[in-house]
Amino acid sequence: TEILSSYKIIEKPFMQISKICKGEDIKIRSANLSEGVDGLFANIDEQKFIFYNSNKPTQRSVFTKAHELGHYFLKHTLDKEILTCSNIGNNSKVNVQEWQADQFAVYFLMPKELMYKHYIEVCNSQNRTIGRPLYVDRQQCNYIDWQMTCAHFKFELGVSKEALRYRLEDLGLLR
């Protein structure tokens, strides 16, 4: 949230990644990366780059850009000048730097204040009690609530269902 504050970003952080990169002199480029690679941060001839896989869905690319920004702001060391990031959904071990960059992306894209604000909006639109967590199960009413919640957060915060599920569980708003 310090980075968002320093750039005076209070809404839709996903739409401000380019602004932050410009301020940090980081170029963003799409690339045709191999299937298992979502993105990478590179320092080439003293120019910083974030490359993201052009073959991935938009929400995944947003998360990847935020993840790569995490490597930059967390001052992770680069192995041979390039730090390659694979999809965290696979069953391989994730190193500490990858985990930290993922956490950075989660908190950057879905800061607590915005999550609560939008969760209250979703509850009000669904006539649900604000303090009650959202349940995701096989009941039709819960499924519909989940789909509407995902659509709202996708529009407002540019995040995927998977990232949203993780963050809502983290905040105790989803069961």
N, C-alpha and C. Protein backbone atom coordinates (compact mmCIF):
# COMPACT_ATOMS: atom_id res chain seq x y z
N THR A 1 0.81 -1.20 0.00
CA THR A 1 0.00 0.00 0.00
C THR A 1 0.86 1.27 0.00
N GLU A 2 2.10 1.18 0.45
CA GLU A 2 2.99 2.35 0.42
C GLU A 2 3.22 2.80 -1.03
N ILE A 3 3.38 1.85 -1.91
CA ILE A 3 3.63 2.18 -3.32
C ILE A 3 2.39 2.84 -3.92
N LEU A 4 1.23 2.27 -3.61
CA LEU A 4 -0.02 2.86 -4.11
C LEU A 4 -0.17 4.28 -3.58
N SER A 5 0.13 4.48 -2.32
CA SER A 5 0.03 5.82 -1.72
C SER A 5 1.01 6.79 -2.36
N SER A 6 2.24 6.33 -2.57
CA SER A 6 3.25 7.23 -3.13
C SER A 6 2.89 7.67 -4.56
N TYR A 7 2.16 6.83 -5.27
CA TYR A 7 1.71 7.19 -6.62
C TYR A 7 0.27 7.73 -6.63
N LYS A 8 -0.28 7.96 -5.42
CA LYS A 8 -1.62 8.52 -5.26
C LYS A 8 -2.69 7.69 -5.98
N ILE A 9 -2.58 6.38 -5.85
CA ILE A 9 -3.53 5.46 -6.47
C ILE A 9 -4.51 4.99 -5.39
N ILE A 10 -5.79 5.29 -5.61
CA ILE A 10 -6.80 4.90 -4.62
C ILE A 10 -7.84 3.93 -5.19
N GLU A 11 -7.91 3.81 -6.48
CA GLU A 11 -8.85 2.90 -7.15
C GLU A 11 -8.16 2.17 -8.29
N LYS A 12 -8.62 0.98 -8.57
CA LYS A 12 -8.19 0.18 -9.73
C LYS A 12 -6.68 0.15 -9.93
N PRO A 13 -5.94 -0.39 -8.97
CA PRO A 13 -4.48 -0.45 -9.11
C PRO A 13 -4.02 -1.13 -10.40
N PHE A 14 -4.80 -2.11 -10.88
CA PHE A 14 -4.41 -2.84 -12.09
C PHE A 14 -4.31 -1.93 -13.31
N MET A 15 -5.05 -0.83 -13.28
CA MET A 15 -5.02 0.10 -14.41
C MET A 15 -3.87 1.10 -14.29
N GLN A 16 -3.15 1.04 -13.18
CA GLN A 16 -2.08 2.00 -12.93
C GLN A 16 -0.68 1.38 -13.00
N ILE A 17 -0.58 0.13 -13.37
CA ILE A 17 0.72 -0.53 -13.44
C ILE A 17 1.64 0.20 -14.42
N SER A 18 1.11 0.61 -15.55
CA SER A 18 1.93 1.34 -16.53
C SER A 18 2.45 2.65 -15.96
N LYS A 19 1.62 3.35 -15.20
CA LYS A 19 2.01 4.61 -14.58
C LYS A 19 3.19 4.38 -13.63
N ILE A 20 3.10 3.35 -12.82
CA ILE A 20 4.17 3.04 -11.87
C ILE A 20 5.44 2.67 -12.62
N CYS A 21 5.29 1.82 -13.63
CA CYS A 21 6.47 1.42 -14.41
C CYS A 21 7.13 2.63 -15.07
N LYS A 22 6.33 3.52 -15.59
CA LYS A 22 6.90 4.73 -16.20
C LYS A 22 7.65 5.54 -15.15
N GLY A 23 7.08 5.66 -13.97
CA GLY A 23 7.73 6.40 -12.89
C GLY A 23 9.02 5.75 -12.41
N GLU A 24 9.12 4.44 -12.57
CA GLU A 24 10.31 3.69 -12.14
C GLU A 24 11.25 3.40 -13.31
N ASP A 25 10.92 3.93 -14.49
CA ASP A 25 11.70 3.72 -15.72
C ASP A 25 11.82 2.23 -16.07
N ILE A 26 10.67 1.56 -16.02
CA ILE A 26 10.58 0.14 -16.40
C ILE A 26 9.70 0.06 -17.65
N LYS A 27 10.20 -0.60 -18.67
CA LYS A 27 9.43 -0.80 -19.91
C LYS A 27 8.63 -2.10 -19.77
N ILE A 28 7.40 -2.09 -20.25
CA ILE A 28 6.55 -3.29 -20.25
C ILE A 28 6.41 -3.76 -21.68
N ARG A 29 6.65 -5.05 -21.90
CA ARG A 29 6.56 -5.62 -23.24
C ARG A 29 5.84 -6.97 -23.19
N SER A 30 4.99 -7.20 -24.16
CA SER A 30 4.42 -8.54 -24.32
C SER A 30 5.43 -9.38 -25.09
N ALA A 31 5.41 -10.67 -24.83
CA ALA A 31 6.35 -11.56 -25.50
C ALA A 31 5.70 -12.91 -25.69
N ASN A 32 6.12 -13.62 -26.70
CA ASN A 32 5.64 -14.98 -26.95
C ASN A 32 6.53 -15.93 -26.16
N LEU A 33 6.25 -16.04 -24.85
CA LEU A 33 7.06 -16.87 -23.97
C LEU A 33 6.58 -18.31 -24.00
N SER A 34 7.41 -19.21 -23.56
CA SER A 34 7.02 -20.63 -23.55
C SER A 34 5.84 -20.85 -22.60
N GLU A 35 5.14 -21.95 -22.80
CA GLU A 35 3.90 -22.27 -22.09
C GLU A 35 4.01 -22.13 -20.58
N GLY A 36 5.08 -22.58 -19.99
CA GLY A 36 5.21 -22.58 -18.53
C GLY A 36 5.70 -21.28 -17.93
N VAL A 37 5.93 -20.28 -18.75
CA VAL A 37 6.47 -19.01 -18.25
C VAL A 37 5.42 -17.92 -18.41
N ASP A 38 5.06 -17.30 -17.29
CA ASP A 38 4.07 -16.22 -17.32
C ASP A 38 4.71 -14.88 -17.59
N GLY A 39 5.93 -14.67 -17.11
CA GLY A 39 6.58 -13.39 -17.30
C GLY A 39 7.98 -13.41 -16.77
N LEU A 40 8.66 -12.29 -16.96
CA LEU A 40 10.01 -12.16 -16.41
C LEU A 40 10.37 -10.69 -16.27
N PHE A 41 11.25 -10.46 -15.33
CA PHE A 41 11.83 -9.14 -15.13
C PHE A 41 13.25 -9.22 -15.62
N ALA A 42 13.68 -8.26 -16.41
CA ALA A 42 15.03 -8.29 -16.96
C ALA A 42 15.66 -6.91 -16.89
N ASN A 43 16.97 -6.90 -16.73
CA ASN A 43 17.75 -5.67 -16.78
C ASN A 43 18.70 -5.85 -17.96
N ILE A 44 18.41 -5.16 -19.06
CA ILE A 44 19.18 -5.32 -20.29
C ILE A 44 19.83 -3.98 -20.64
N ASP A 45 21.14 -3.97 -20.64
CA ASP A 45 21.89 -2.74 -20.94
C ASP A 45 21.41 -1.57 -20.07
N GLU A 46 21.27 -1.84 -18.79
CA GLU A 46 20.86 -0.86 -17.79
C GLU A 46 19.43 -0.34 -17.97
N GLN A 47 18.64 -1.01 -18.81
CA GLN A 47 17.22 -0.69 -18.95
C GLN A 47 16.42 -1.83 -18.32
N LYS A 48 15.46 -1.48 -17.46
CA LYS A 48 14.63 -2.48 -16.80
C LYS A 48 13.41 -2.79 -17.67
N PHE A 49 13.08 -4.09 -17.74
CA PHE A 49 11.93 -4.55 -18.53
C PHE A 49 11.09 -5.52 -17.72
N ILE A 50 9.79 -5.45 -17.95
CA ILE A 50 8.86 -6.50 -17.53
C ILE A 50 8.30 -7.08 -18.81
N PHE A 51 8.52 -8.38 -19.00
CA PHE A 51 7.93 -9.10 -20.13
C PHE A 51 6.81 -9.97 -19.58
N TYR A 52 5.68 -10.00 -20.27
CA TYR A 52 4.58 -10.88 -19.87
C TYR A 52 4.18 -11.72 -21.07
N ASN A 53 3.69 -12.92 -20.79
CA ASN A 53 3.34 -13.88 -21.83
C ASN A 53 2.07 -13.42 -22.55
N SER A 54 2.20 -13.12 -23.82
CA SER A 54 1.07 -12.63 -24.61
C SER A 54 0.02 -13.72 -24.86
N ASN A 55 0.35 -14.97 -24.54
CA ASN A 55 -0.58 -16.08 -24.76
C ASN A 55 -1.47 -16.35 -23.55
N LYS A 56 -1.34 -15.56 -22.50
CA LYS A 56 -2.12 -15.77 -21.27
C LYS A 56 -3.32 -14.84 -21.24
N PRO A 57 -4.38 -15.22 -20.50
CA PRO A 57 -5.56 -14.34 -20.37
C PRO A 57 -5.19 -13.00 -19.73
N THR A 58 -6.02 -12.00 -19.96
CA THR A 58 -5.77 -10.64 -19.48
C THR A 58 -5.54 -10.59 -17.97
N GLN A 59 -6.41 -11.24 -17.18
CA GLN A 59 -6.25 -11.18 -15.73
C GLN A 59 -4.94 -11.82 -15.29
N ARG A 60 -4.52 -12.86 -15.98
CA ARG A 60 -3.24 -13.49 -15.64
C ARG A 60 -2.09 -12.53 -15.96
N SER A 61 -2.20 -11.83 -17.07
CA SER A 61 -1.16 -10.87 -17.44
C SER A 61 -1.07 -9.73 -16.43
N VAL A 62 -2.21 -9.28 -15.94
CA VAL A 62 -2.23 -8.23 -14.92
C VAL A 62 -1.50 -8.71 -13.67
N PHE A 63 -1.83 -9.93 -13.23
CA PHE A 63 -1.18 -10.47 -12.04
C PHE A 63 0.32 -10.63 -12.28
N THR A 64 0.69 -11.09 -13.46
CA THR A 64 2.10 -11.27 -13.80
C THR A 64 2.85 -9.95 -13.74
N LYS A 65 2.27 -8.90 -14.30
CA LYS A 65 2.94 -7.59 -14.26
C LYS A 65 3.13 -7.12 -12.82
N ALA A 66 2.10 -7.31 -11.99
CA ALA A 66 2.22 -6.92 -10.59
C ALA A 66 3.26 -7.78 -9.87
N HIS A 67 3.30 -9.07 -10.20
CA HIS A 67 4.28 -10.00 -9.64
C HIS A 67 5.70 -9.54 -10.00
N GLU A 68 5.90 -9.21 -11.25
CA GLU A 68 7.23 -8.77 -11.69
C GLU A 68 7.61 -7.43 -11.06
N LEU A 69 6.64 -6.54 -10.87
CA LEU A 69 6.89 -5.31 -10.13
C LEU A 69 7.34 -5.63 -8.71
N GLY A 70 6.76 -6.69 -8.16
CA GLY A 70 7.15 -7.14 -6.83
C GLY A 70 8.63 -7.48 -6.77
N HIS A 71 9.13 -8.19 -7.77
CA HIS A 71 10.56 -8.50 -7.80
C HIS A 71 11.38 -7.21 -7.78
N TYR A 72 10.93 -6.21 -8.53
CA TYR A 72 11.65 -4.94 -8.59
C TYR A 72 11.63 -4.23 -7.23
N PHE A 73 10.44 -4.03 -6.66
CA PHE A 73 10.32 -3.27 -5.41
C PHE A 73 10.91 -4.03 -4.21
N LEU A 74 10.89 -5.34 -4.28
CA LEU A 74 11.48 -6.14 -3.19
C LEU A 74 12.98 -6.32 -3.37
N LYS A 75 13.49 -5.74 -4.45
CA LYS A 75 14.93 -5.76 -4.74
C LYS A 75 15.51 -7.18 -4.77
N HIS A 76 14.77 -8.06 -5.42
CA HIS A 76 15.24 -9.43 -5.58
C HIS A 76 16.45 -9.47 -6.51
N THR A 77 17.37 -10.32 -6.18
CA THR A 77 18.55 -10.46 -7.03
C THR A 77 18.19 -11.28 -8.26
N LEU A 78 18.80 -10.93 -9.35
CA LEU A 78 18.54 -11.63 -10.60
C LEU A 78 19.63 -12.63 -10.86
N ASP A 79 19.23 -13.83 -11.23
CA ASP A 79 20.17 -14.87 -11.61
C ASP A 79 20.50 -14.67 -13.08
N LYS A 80 21.73 -14.32 -13.39
CA LYS A 80 22.15 -14.07 -14.77
C LYS A 80 21.32 -12.96 -15.41
N GLU A 81 20.96 -11.95 -14.61
CA GLU A 81 20.23 -10.78 -15.05
C GLU A 81 18.76 -11.04 -15.38
N ILE A 82 18.29 -12.27 -15.32
CA ILE A 82 16.89 -12.55 -15.63
C ILE A 82 16.31 -13.46 -14.56
N LEU A 83 15.13 -13.09 -14.06
CA LEU A 83 14.42 -13.92 -13.08
C LEU A 83 13.16 -14.41 -13.77
N THR A 84 13.08 -15.70 -14.05
CA THR A 84 11.95 -16.27 -14.77
C THR A 84 10.90 -16.77 -13.78
N CYS A 85 9.66 -16.49 -14.08
CA CYS A 85 8.57 -16.86 -13.18
C CYS A 85 7.61 -17.82 -13.88
N SER A 86 7.41 -18.97 -13.28
CA SER A 86 6.49 -19.95 -13.83
C SER A 86 5.14 -19.85 -13.13
N ASN A 87 4.16 -20.45 -13.72
CA ASN A 87 2.82 -20.47 -13.17
C ASN A 87 2.83 -21.08 -11.79
N ILE A 88 2.28 -20.36 -10.79
CA ILE A 88 2.28 -20.88 -9.42
C ILE A 88 1.24 -21.98 -9.24
N GLY A 89 0.38 -22.18 -10.21
CA GLY A 89 -0.64 -23.20 -10.09
C GLY A 89 -0.10 -24.62 -10.25
N ASN A 90 1.13 -24.75 -10.72
CA ASN A 90 1.65 -26.10 -10.87
C ASN A 90 2.12 -26.63 -9.53
N ASN A 91 2.46 -27.88 -9.44
CA ASN A 91 2.80 -28.51 -8.18
C ASN A 91 4.28 -28.44 -7.84
N SER A 92 5.04 -27.65 -8.55
CA SER A 92 6.46 -27.54 -8.25
C SER A 92 6.67 -26.63 -7.03
N LYS A 93 7.83 -26.75 -6.42
CA LYS A 93 8.15 -25.90 -5.29
C LYS A 93 8.37 -24.47 -5.77
N VAL A 94 7.90 -23.52 -5.00
CA VAL A 94 8.07 -22.12 -5.33
C VAL A 94 9.12 -21.56 -4.39
N ASN A 95 10.14 -20.90 -4.92
CA ASN A 95 11.16 -20.37 -4.04
C ASN A 95 10.65 -19.14 -3.29
N VAL A 96 11.39 -18.72 -2.30
CA VAL A 96 10.97 -17.64 -1.42
C VAL A 96 10.72 -16.36 -2.20
N GLN A 97 11.58 -16.03 -3.15
CA GLN A 97 11.38 -14.82 -3.93
C GLN A 97 10.10 -14.87 -4.75
N GLU A 98 9.78 -16.03 -5.30
CA GLU A 98 8.54 -16.17 -6.07
C GLU A 98 7.33 -15.99 -5.16
N TRP A 99 7.38 -16.61 -3.99
CA TRP A 99 6.28 -16.48 -3.03
C TRP A 99 6.11 -15.01 -2.63
N GLN A 100 7.21 -14.33 -2.35
CA GLN A 100 7.15 -12.93 -1.97
C GLN A 100 6.58 -12.06 -3.09
N ALA A 101 6.99 -12.33 -4.32
CA ALA A 101 6.47 -11.56 -5.46
C ALA A 101 4.98 -11.82 -5.65
N ASP A 102 4.54 -13.06 -5.42
CA ASP A 102 3.10 -13.36 -5.48
C ASP A 102 2.34 -12.59 -4.40
N GLN A 103 2.89 -12.58 -3.18
CA GLN A 103 2.24 -11.85 -2.10
C GLN A 103 2.18 -10.35 -2.41
N PHE A 104 3.25 -9.82 -2.95
CA PHE A 104 3.27 -8.42 -3.37
C PHE A 104 2.12 -8.17 -4.35
N ALA A 105 2.00 -9.02 -5.36
CA ALA A 105 0.96 -8.84 -6.38
C ALA A 105 -0.43 -8.88 -5.76
N VAL A 106 -0.66 -9.82 -4.86
CA VAL A 106 -1.96 -9.94 -4.20
C VAL A 106 -2.30 -8.67 -3.44
N TYR A 107 -1.37 -8.20 -2.63
CA TYR A 107 -1.63 -7.01 -1.81
C TYR A 107 -1.63 -5.72 -2.63
N PHE A 108 -0.89 -5.69 -3.71
CA PHE A 108 -0.89 -4.54 -4.61
C PHE A 108 -2.22 -4.43 -5.35
N LEU A 109 -2.67 -5.53 -5.94
CA LEU A 109 -3.89 -5.52 -6.74
C LEU A 109 -5.16 -5.50 -5.89
N MET A 110 -5.07 -6.08 -4.68
CA MET A 110 -6.25 -6.21 -3.83
C MET A 110 -5.96 -5.74 -2.41
N PRO A 111 -5.65 -4.45 -2.24
CA PRO A 111 -5.39 -3.96 -0.88
C PRO A 111 -6.63 -4.11 -0.01
N LYS A 112 -6.39 -4.33 1.26
CA LYS A 112 -7.47 -4.62 2.21
C LYS A 112 -8.60 -3.60 2.14
N GLU A 113 -8.26 -2.32 2.13
CA GLU A 113 -9.29 -1.27 2.13
C GLU A 113 -10.21 -1.39 0.91
N LEU A 114 -9.61 -1.60 -0.26
CA LEU A 114 -10.42 -1.76 -1.47
C LEU A 114 -11.24 -3.04 -1.44
N MET A 115 -10.66 -4.09 -0.90
CA MET A 115 -11.39 -5.36 -0.81
C MET A 115 -12.64 -5.20 0.04
N TYR A 116 -12.49 -4.59 1.22
CA TYR A 116 -13.65 -4.39 2.09
C TYR A 116 -14.68 -3.46 1.44
N LYS A 117 -14.21 -2.40 0.83
CA LYS A 117 -15.13 -1.47 0.16
C LYS A 117 -15.96 -2.19 -0.89
N HIS A 118 -15.29 -2.97 -1.75
CA HIS A 118 -16.02 -3.65 -2.82
C HIS A 118 -16.82 -4.84 -2.29
N TYR A 119 -16.36 -5.47 -1.24
CA TYR A 119 -17.13 -6.57 -0.65
C TYR A 119 -18.46 -6.04 -0.10
N ILE A 120 -18.42 -4.87 0.53
CA ILE A 120 -19.65 -4.25 1.03
C ILE A 120 -20.58 -3.92 -0.13
N GLU A 121 -20.04 -3.40 -1.21
CA GLU A 121 -20.86 -3.11 -2.40
C GLU A 121 -21.52 -4.38 -2.93
N VAL A 122 -20.75 -5.46 -3.00
CA VAL A 122 -21.28 -6.74 -3.48
C VAL A 122 -22.37 -7.24 -2.55
N CYS A 123 -22.13 -7.19 -1.26
CA CYS A 123 -23.15 -7.64 -0.29
C CYS A 123 -24.43 -6.82 -0.44
N ASN A 124 -24.29 -5.52 -0.56
CA ASN A 124 -25.48 -4.67 -0.72
C ASN A 124 -26.23 -5.00 -2.01
N SER A 125 -25.51 -5.24 -3.09
CA SER A 125 -26.17 -5.55 -4.36
C SER A 125 -26.85 -6.91 -4.35
N GLN A 126 -26.38 -7.81 -3.47
CA GLN A 126 -26.95 -9.16 -3.39
C GLN A 126 -27.88 -9.32 -2.19
N ASN A 127 -28.14 -8.21 -1.48
CA ASN A 127 -28.98 -8.24 -0.27
C ASN A 127 -28.48 -9.26 0.75
N ARG A 128 -27.16 -9.33 0.88
CA ARG A 128 -26.55 -10.24 1.87
C ARG A 128 -26.09 -9.44 3.07
N THR A 129 -26.06 -10.09 4.22
CA THR A 129 -25.55 -9.47 5.44
C THR A 129 -24.07 -9.18 5.25
N ILE A 130 -23.66 -7.98 5.56
CA ILE A 130 -22.29 -7.55 5.30
C ILE A 130 -21.26 -8.37 6.09
N GLY A 131 -21.53 -8.70 7.32
CA GLY A 131 -20.55 -9.43 8.12
C GLY A 131 -20.46 -10.92 7.81
N ARG A 132 -21.37 -11.42 6.99
CA ARG A 132 -21.42 -12.86 6.68
C ARG A 132 -20.49 -13.19 5.53
N PRO A 133 -19.61 -14.19 5.70
CA PRO A 133 -18.74 -14.57 4.58
C PRO A 133 -19.53 -15.18 3.43
N LEU A 134 -18.96 -15.07 2.27
CA LEU A 134 -19.54 -15.68 1.08
C LEU A 134 -19.19 -17.16 1.08
N TYR A 135 -20.16 -17.99 0.79
CA TYR A 135 -19.91 -19.43 0.73
C TYR A 135 -19.86 -19.87 -0.73
N VAL A 136 -18.88 -20.69 -1.04
CA VAL A 136 -18.77 -21.24 -2.38
C VAL A 136 -18.98 -22.74 -2.24
N ASP A 137 -20.13 -23.19 -2.66
CA ASP A 137 -20.46 -24.61 -2.59
C ASP A 137 -21.42 -24.94 -3.73
N ARG A 138 -22.10 -26.05 -3.64
CA ARG A 138 -22.96 -26.50 -4.74
C ARG A 138 -24.38 -25.91 -4.69
N GLN A 139 -24.70 -25.12 -3.71
CA GLN A 139 -26.03 -24.51 -3.65
C GLN A 139 -26.14 -23.45 -4.74
N GLN A 140 -27.24 -23.47 -5.45
CA GLN A 140 -27.43 -22.56 -6.58
C GLN A 140 -27.30 -21.10 -6.17
N CYS A 141 -27.91 -20.73 -5.04
CA CYS A 141 -27.86 -19.31 -4.63
C CYS A 141 -26.42 -18.88 -4.32
N ASN A 142 -25.63 -19.75 -3.72
CA ASN A 142 -24.23 -19.42 -3.43
C ASN A 142 -23.40 -19.35 -4.70
N TYR A 143 -23.70 -20.24 -5.65
CA TYR A 143 -22.99 -20.22 -6.93
C TYR A 143 -23.25 -18.91 -7.66
N ILE A 144 -24.50 -18.48 -7.67
CA ILE A 144 -24.86 -17.22 -8.34
C ILE A 144 -24.18 -16.04 -7.65
N ASP A 145 -24.20 -16.04 -6.31
CA ASP A 145 -23.52 -14.97 -5.56
C ASP A 145 -22.03 -14.94 -5.89
N TRP A 146 -21.42 -16.11 -5.99
CA TRP A 146 -19.98 -16.18 -6.31
C TRP A 146 -19.70 -15.63 -7.71
N GLN A 147 -20.53 -15.99 -8.68
CA GLN A 147 -20.33 -15.51 -10.04
C GLN A 147 -20.49 -13.98 -10.11
N MET A 148 -21.47 -13.46 -9.41
CA MET A 148 -21.68 -12.00 -9.39
C MET A 148 -20.51 -11.30 -8.68
N THR A 149 -20.01 -11.91 -7.62
CA THR A 149 -18.87 -11.36 -6.88
C THR A 149 -17.64 -11.33 -7.78
N CYS A 150 -17.40 -12.42 -8.49
CA CYS A 150 -16.25 -12.49 -9.40
C CYS A 150 -16.35 -11.42 -10.48
N ALA A 151 -17.53 -11.25 -11.05
CA ALA A 151 -17.71 -10.25 -12.10
C ALA A 151 -17.43 -8.84 -11.57
N HIS A 152 -17.92 -8.57 -10.38
CA HIS A 152 -17.70 -7.24 -9.78
C HIS A 152 -16.21 -6.99 -9.57
N PHE A 153 -15.51 -7.94 -8.95
CA PHE A 153 -14.09 -7.75 -8.65
C PHE A 153 -13.23 -7.78 -9.92
N LYS A 154 -13.65 -8.52 -10.92
CA LYS A 154 -12.92 -8.52 -12.19
C LYS A 154 -12.96 -7.12 -12.80
N PHE A 155 -14.12 -6.50 -12.76
CA PHE A 155 -14.27 -5.16 -13.32
C PHE A 155 -13.53 -4.13 -12.47
N GLU A 156 -13.69 -4.19 -11.16
CA GLU A 156 -13.14 -3.16 -10.27
C GLU A 156 -11.64 -3.31 -10.00
N LEU A 157 -11.16 -4.56 -9.91
CA LEU A 157 -9.76 -4.78 -9.53
C LEU A 157 -8.97 -5.57 -10.56
N GLY A 158 -9.62 -6.01 -11.64
CA GLY A 158 -8.91 -6.69 -12.73
C GLY A 158 -8.29 -8.00 -12.35
N VAL A 159 -8.91 -8.72 -11.41
CA VAL A 159 -8.31 -9.96 -10.91
C VAL A 159 -9.09 -11.20 -11.36
N SER A 160 -8.39 -12.31 -11.41
CA SER A 160 -8.99 -13.59 -11.79
C SER A 160 -9.76 -14.18 -10.61
N LYS A 161 -10.58 -15.18 -10.90
CA LYS A 161 -11.30 -15.89 -9.84
C LYS A 161 -10.34 -16.50 -8.84
N GLU A 162 -9.25 -17.07 -9.35
CA GLU A 162 -8.28 -17.73 -8.46
C GLU A 162 -7.65 -16.75 -7.49
N ALA A 163 -7.21 -15.60 -8.01
CA ALA A 163 -6.60 -14.59 -7.14
C ALA A 163 -7.63 -14.04 -6.15
N LEU A 164 -8.84 -13.81 -6.64
CA LEU A 164 -9.91 -13.30 -5.78
C LEU A 164 -10.22 -14.30 -4.67
N ARG A 165 -10.34 -15.57 -5.01
CA ARG A 165 -10.63 -16.60 -4.01
C ARG A 165 -9.57 -16.60 -2.92
N TYR A 166 -8.31 -16.56 -3.34
CA TYR A 166 -7.20 -16.57 -2.39
C TYR A 166 -7.31 -15.38 -1.43
N ARG A 167 -7.54 -14.17 -1.97
CA ARG A 167 -7.56 -12.97 -1.14
C ARG A 167 -8.79 -12.93 -0.23
N LEU A 168 -9.95 -13.33 -0.74
CA LEU A 168 -11.15 -13.35 0.11
C LEU A 168 -11.00 -14.36 1.26
N GLU A 169 -10.41 -15.51 0.95
CA GLU A 169 -10.15 -16.48 2.03
C GLU A 169 -9.18 -15.91 3.05
N ASP A 170 -8.13 -15.24 2.56
CA ASP A 170 -7.12 -14.61 3.41
C ASP A 170 -7.77 -13.60 4.37
N LEU A 171 -8.77 -12.88 3.89
CA LEU A 171 -9.46 -11.87 4.70
C LEU A 171 -10.62 -12.44 5.52
N GLY A 172 -10.87 -13.74 5.38
CA GLY A 172 -11.96 -14.36 6.12
C GLY A 172 -13.34 -14.03 5.56
N LEU A 173 -13.40 -13.64 4.29
CA LEU A 173 -14.66 -13.27 3.66
C LEU A 173 -15.23 -14.34 2.77
N LEU A 174 -14.57 -15.47 2.67
CA LEU A 174 -15.01 -16.56 1.80
C LEU A 174 -14.79 -17.89 2.49
N ARG A 175 -15.78 -18.75 2.33
CA ARG A 175 -15.65 -20.11 2.87
C ARG A 175 -16.12 -21.10 1.84
